[in-house]
Each structure stands twice: as structure tokens, then as C-alpha cells.
Amino acid sequence: MQLASTNRTKTRERDARNVRALLMAQLQELEIVKRIEQARIESGLSQDEMADLLEVANRTYWNYENTRVPYKLMGRISDVTGRSLRWLLHGEDDSEPNMQVMQRLAVLEAKIDRLLCGDGGEGNQRRAS
């Protein structure tokens, strides 16, 4: 009797974990489809234009923004909208590392400009002393 009760308890616990995992997956998919819509809107594209660019039917693209994640097309959606795959799939904006790269590039450009203009930076300071 106790063995049957233990098996039922284990089955219920397993079922509860499965339901939880399924709900989390559905929630993540809803978040992804909303980010697809947001990326399209921020890109200034209509649903029809986006469907044309992705070479899918308008109704199919509508599904992408409402119910179904087009995992095979996420790379193309990223290219068309200019949003990273990381952002589309996880909502994590990776603009901060890009900002660091841009700042480093600006510093390097300034150094190159000084060298090309004959300023030389430190070289002129040595000559002055």
C-alpha cells in the first residue's frame, strides 16, 4: 500500500516539474515573439515588408509575431532589423561591449590623426625640452 502511494507521489512531482518546464518554455517563446515585433517596429518596417524581406507569406510572418518562434529564420530577422540574436532570443542587450569597442576605436583614431598630422604627441614634447 505504501509503495503505491510513494509511486503516485513521485509521478505527481514529475508531472509538476514537466508542467513547470512547459510553462517556462511557453513564456520564453511569448517573450521572443514580442521582441521580434519590437525589432520590426523599431526598424520602421511593416509586417508585409518584413514578410517580403524574409520571403515568407504575410500570414506566416504574422504567426512569428504572435504565436510561433521561427528559430530557423532568427539570423535573417537579426540581419534585417539590426538587433542581435542575443537580444532577440534572450532579451540581453549586448550594446555595452560594442560601446567599449567604439570608445577604443575613437582613442585609436585620435592617435592616428595625431601621427598623420605630424603632431606626434610625445615626440613633440621631447623636442621641446
C-alpha atoms as a PDB file:
ATOM      1  CA  MET A   1       0.000   0.000   0.000  1.00  0.00           C
ATOM      2  CA  GLN A   2       2.762   2.410   0.953  1.00  0.00           C
ATOM      3  CA  LEU A   3       4.704   1.566  -2.243  1.00  0.00           C
ATOM      4  CA  ALA A   4       1.744   2.551  -4.428  1.00  0.00           C
ATOM      5  CA  SER A   5       1.370   5.812  -2.536  1.00  0.00           C
ATOM      6  CA  THR A   6       5.094   6.578  -2.976  1.00  0.00           C
ATOM      7  CA  ASN A   7       4.892   5.887  -6.723  1.00  0.00           C
ATOM      8  CA  ARG A   8       1.885   8.201  -7.075  1.00  0.00           C
ATOM      9  CA  THR A   9       3.707  10.941  -5.196  1.00  0.00           C
ATOM     10  CA  LYS A  10       6.765  10.594  -7.444  1.00  0.00           C
ATOM     11  CA  THR A  11       4.549  10.674 -10.529  1.00  0.00           C
ATOM     12  CA  ARG A  12       2.803  13.839  -9.331  1.00  0.00           C
ATOM     13  CA  GLU A  13       6.133  15.517  -8.598  1.00  0.00           C
ATOM     14  CA  ARG A  14       7.463  14.574 -12.047  1.00  0.00           C
ATOM     15  CA  ASP A  15       4.264  15.820 -13.688  1.00  0.00           C
ATOM     16  CA  ALA A  16       4.506  19.099 -11.769  1.00  0.00           C
ATOM     17  CA  ARG A  17       8.118  19.580 -12.941  1.00  0.00           C
ATOM     18  CA  ASN A  18       7.087  18.840 -16.542  1.00  0.00           C
ATOM     19  CA  VAL A  19       4.221  21.336 -16.369  1.00  0.00           C
ATOM     20  CA  ARG A  20       6.537  23.960 -14.880  1.00  0.00           C
ATOM     21  CA  ALA A  21       9.117  23.397 -17.614  1.00  0.00           C
ATOM     22  CA  LEU A  22       6.435  23.585 -20.301  1.00  0.00           C
ATOM     23  CA  LEU A  23       5.041  26.837 -18.891  1.00  0.00           C
ATOM     24  CA  MET A  24       8.519  28.373 -18.724  1.00  0.00           C
ATOM     25  CA  ALA A  25       9.188  27.394 -22.358  1.00  0.00           C
ATOM     26  CA  GLN A  26       5.881  28.939 -23.453  1.00  0.00           C
ATOM     27  CA  LEU A  27       6.639  32.124 -21.530  1.00  0.00           C
ATOM     28  CA  GLN A  28      10.072  32.371 -23.166  1.00  0.00           C
ATOM     29  CA  GLU A  29       8.523  31.898 -26.607  1.00  0.00           C
ATOM     30  CA  LEU A  30       5.988  34.652 -25.922  1.00  0.00           C
ATOM     31  CA  GLU A  31       8.819  36.967 -24.933  1.00  0.00           C
ATOM     32  CA  ILE A  32      10.737  36.116 -28.118  1.00  0.00           C
ATOM     33  CA  VAL A  33       7.786  36.801 -30.416  1.00  0.00           C
ATOM     34  CA  LYS A  34       7.223  40.155 -28.691  1.00  0.00           C
ATOM     35  CA  ARG A  35      10.898  41.055 -29.213  1.00  0.00           C
ATOM     36  CA  ILE A  36      10.566  40.118 -32.901  1.00  0.00           C
ATOM     37  CA  GLU A  37       7.647  42.529 -33.163  1.00  0.00           C
ATOM     38  CA  GLN A  38       9.522  45.243 -31.271  1.00  0.00           C
ATOM     39  CA  ALA A  39      12.593  44.855 -33.504  1.00  0.00           C
ATOM     40  CA  ARG A  40      10.454  45.156 -36.637  1.00  0.00           C
ATOM     41  CA  ILE A  41       8.681  48.279 -35.359  1.00  0.00           C
ATOM     42  CA  GLU A  42      11.961  49.910 -34.281  1.00  0.00           C
ATOM     43  CA  SER A  43      13.325  49.180 -37.769  1.00  0.00           C
ATOM     44  CA  GLY A  44      10.400  51.065 -39.294  1.00  0.00           C
ATOM     45  CA  LEU A  45       9.091  48.063 -41.216  1.00  0.00           C
ATOM     46  CA  SER A  46       5.520  46.888 -41.644  1.00  0.00           C
ATOM     47  CA  GLN A  47       4.584  43.237 -41.251  1.00  0.00           C
ATOM     48  CA  ASP A  48       4.127  42.999 -45.031  1.00  0.00           C
ATOM     49  CA  GLU A  49       7.587  44.450 -45.672  1.00  0.00           C
ATOM     50  CA  MET A  50       9.148  42.116 -43.139  1.00  0.00           C
ATOM     51  CA  ALA A  51       7.401  39.118 -44.701  1.00  0.00           C
ATOM     52  CA  ASP A  52       8.739  40.147 -48.124  1.00  0.00           C
ATOM     53  CA  LEU A  53      12.288  40.554 -46.801  1.00  0.00           C
ATOM     54  CA  LEU A  54      12.141  37.127 -45.137  1.00  0.00           C
ATOM     55  CA  GLU A  55      10.471  35.621 -48.231  1.00  0.00           C
ATOM     56  CA  VAL A  56       7.517  34.194 -46.297  1.00  0.00           C
ATOM     57  CA  ALA A  57       3.765  34.661 -46.605  1.00  0.00           C
ATOM     58  CA  ASN A  58       2.224  37.577 -44.687  1.00  0.00           C
ATOM     59  CA  ARG A  59       0.171  35.194 -42.536  1.00  0.00           C
ATOM     60  CA  THR A  60       3.292  33.183 -41.715  1.00  0.00           C
ATOM     61  CA  TYR A  61       5.084  36.315 -40.558  1.00  0.00           C
ATOM     62  CA  TRP A  62       2.036  37.310 -38.511  1.00  0.00           C
ATOM     63  CA  ASN A  63       2.411  33.980 -36.705  1.00  0.00           C
ATOM     64  CA  TYR A  64       6.047  34.827 -35.949  1.00  0.00           C
ATOM     65  CA  GLU A  65       4.950  37.896 -34.014  1.00  0.00           C
ATOM     66  CA  ASN A  66       2.068  36.221 -32.226  1.00  0.00           C
ATOM     67  CA  THR A  67       2.429  32.504 -31.653  1.00  0.00           C
ATOM     68  CA  ARG A  68       5.371  30.745 -33.259  1.00  0.00           C
ATOM     69  CA  VAL A  69       9.100  31.359 -32.924  1.00  0.00           C
ATOM     70  CA  PRO A  70      10.850  30.979 -36.311  1.00  0.00           C
ATOM     71  CA  TYR A  71      14.138  29.593 -34.954  1.00  0.00           C
ATOM     72  CA  LYS A  72      15.449  28.851 -38.469  1.00  0.00           C
ATOM     73  CA  LEU A  73      14.931  32.494 -39.505  1.00  0.00           C
ATOM     74  CA  MET A  74      16.246  34.217 -36.395  1.00  0.00           C
ATOM     75  CA  GLY A  75      19.572  35.015 -38.075  1.00  0.00           C
ATOM     76  CA  ARG A  76      17.821  36.691 -41.006  1.00  0.00           C
ATOM     77  CA  ILE A  77      15.488  38.586 -38.651  1.00  0.00           C
ATOM     78  CA  SER A  78      18.571  39.792 -36.792  1.00  0.00           C
ATOM     79  CA  ASP A  79      20.193  40.955 -40.037  1.00  0.00           C
ATOM     80  CA  VAL A  80      17.075  42.729 -41.299  1.00  0.00           C
ATOM     81  CA  THR A  81      16.263  44.506 -38.029  1.00  0.00           C
ATOM     82  CA  GLY A  82      19.813  45.173 -36.862  1.00  0.00           C
ATOM     83  CA  ARG A  83      19.143  43.602 -33.472  1.00  0.00           C
ATOM     84  CA  SER A  84      21.480  40.918 -32.159  1.00  0.00           C
ATOM     85  CA  LEU A  85      20.446  37.281 -31.894  1.00  0.00           C
ATOM     86  CA  ARG A  86      21.289  37.506 -28.219  1.00  0.00           C
ATOM     87  CA  TRP A  87      18.718  40.247 -27.774  1.00  0.00           C
ATOM     88  CA  LEU A  88      16.069  38.551 -29.909  1.00  0.00           C
ATOM     89  CA  LEU A  89      16.385  35.222 -28.089  1.00  0.00           C
ATOM     90  CA  HIS A  90      17.245  36.258 -24.545  1.00  0.00           C
ATOM     91  CA  GLY A  91      16.424  39.948 -24.235  1.00  0.00           C
ATOM     92  CA  GLU A  92      20.015  40.675 -23.269  1.00  0.00           C
ATOM     93  CA  ASP A  93      21.270  43.817 -24.920  1.00  0.00           C
ATOM     94  CA  ASP A  94      24.896  43.448 -25.847  1.00  0.00           C
ATOM     95  CA  SER A  95      25.374  47.086 -26.753  1.00  0.00           C
ATOM     96  CA  GLU A  96      27.670  47.701 -23.793  1.00  0.00           C
ATOM     97  CA  PRO A  97      30.583  45.663 -25.181  1.00  0.00           C
ATOM     98  CA  ASN A  98      30.055  47.384 -28.536  1.00  0.00           C
ATOM     99  CA  MET A  99      30.232  50.756 -26.769  1.00  0.00           C
ATOM    100  CA  GLN A 100      33.592  49.762 -25.280  1.00  0.00           C
ATOM    101  CA  VAL A 101      34.856  48.814 -28.723  1.00  0.00           C
ATOM    102  CA  MET A 102      33.634  52.133 -30.126  1.00  0.00           C
ATOM    103  CA  GLN A 103      35.433  54.044 -27.370  1.00  0.00           C
ATOM    104  CA  ARG A 104      38.668  52.168 -28.040  1.00  0.00           C
ATOM    105  CA  LEU A 105      38.317  52.868 -31.759  1.00  0.00           C
ATOM    106  CA  ALA A 106      37.835  56.576 -31.047  1.00  0.00           C
ATOM    107  CA  VAL A 107      41.055  56.646 -28.983  1.00  0.00           C
ATOM    108  CA  LEU A 108      42.962  54.828 -31.728  1.00  0.00           C
ATOM    109  CA  GLU A 109      41.577  57.160 -34.404  1.00  0.00           C
ATOM    110  CA  ALA A 110      42.694  60.178 -32.382  1.00  0.00           C
ATOM    111  CA  LYS A 111      46.202  58.717 -32.083  1.00  0.00           C
ATOM    112  CA  ILE A 112      46.325  58.003 -35.819  1.00  0.00           C
ATOM    113  CA  ASP A 113      45.145  61.533 -36.591  1.00  0.00           C
ATOM    114  CA  ARG A 114      47.888  62.999 -34.390  1.00  0.00           C
ATOM    115  CA  LEU A 115      50.513  60.843 -36.107  1.00  0.00           C
ATOM    116  CA  LEU A 116      49.283  61.687 -39.597  1.00  0.00           C
ATOM    117  CA  CYS A 117      49.097  65.410 -38.861  1.00  0.00           C
ATOM    118  CA  GLY A 118      52.689  65.424 -37.638  1.00  0.00           C
ATOM    119  CA  ASP A 119      51.659  66.215 -34.076  1.00  0.00           C
ATOM    120  CA  GLY A 120      53.329  63.048 -32.855  1.00  0.00           C
ATOM    121  CA  GLY A 121      52.127  63.641 -29.307  1.00  0.00           C
ATOM    122  CA  GLU A 122      55.060  62.597 -27.117  1.00  0.00           C
ATOM    123  CA  GLY A 123      57.689  63.225 -29.804  1.00  0.00           C
ATOM    124  CA  ASN A 124      56.953  66.974 -29.785  1.00  0.00           C
ATOM    125  CA  GLN A 125      57.187  67.092 -26.010  1.00  0.00           C
ATOM    126  CA  ARG A 126      60.711  65.577 -26.140  1.00  0.00           C
ATOM    127  CA  ARG A 127      61.848  68.089 -28.763  1.00  0.00           C
ATOM    128  CA  ALA A 128      60.518  70.977 -26.685  1.00  0.00           C
ATOM    129  CA  SER A 129      62.615  70.016 -23.666  1.00  0.00           C
END
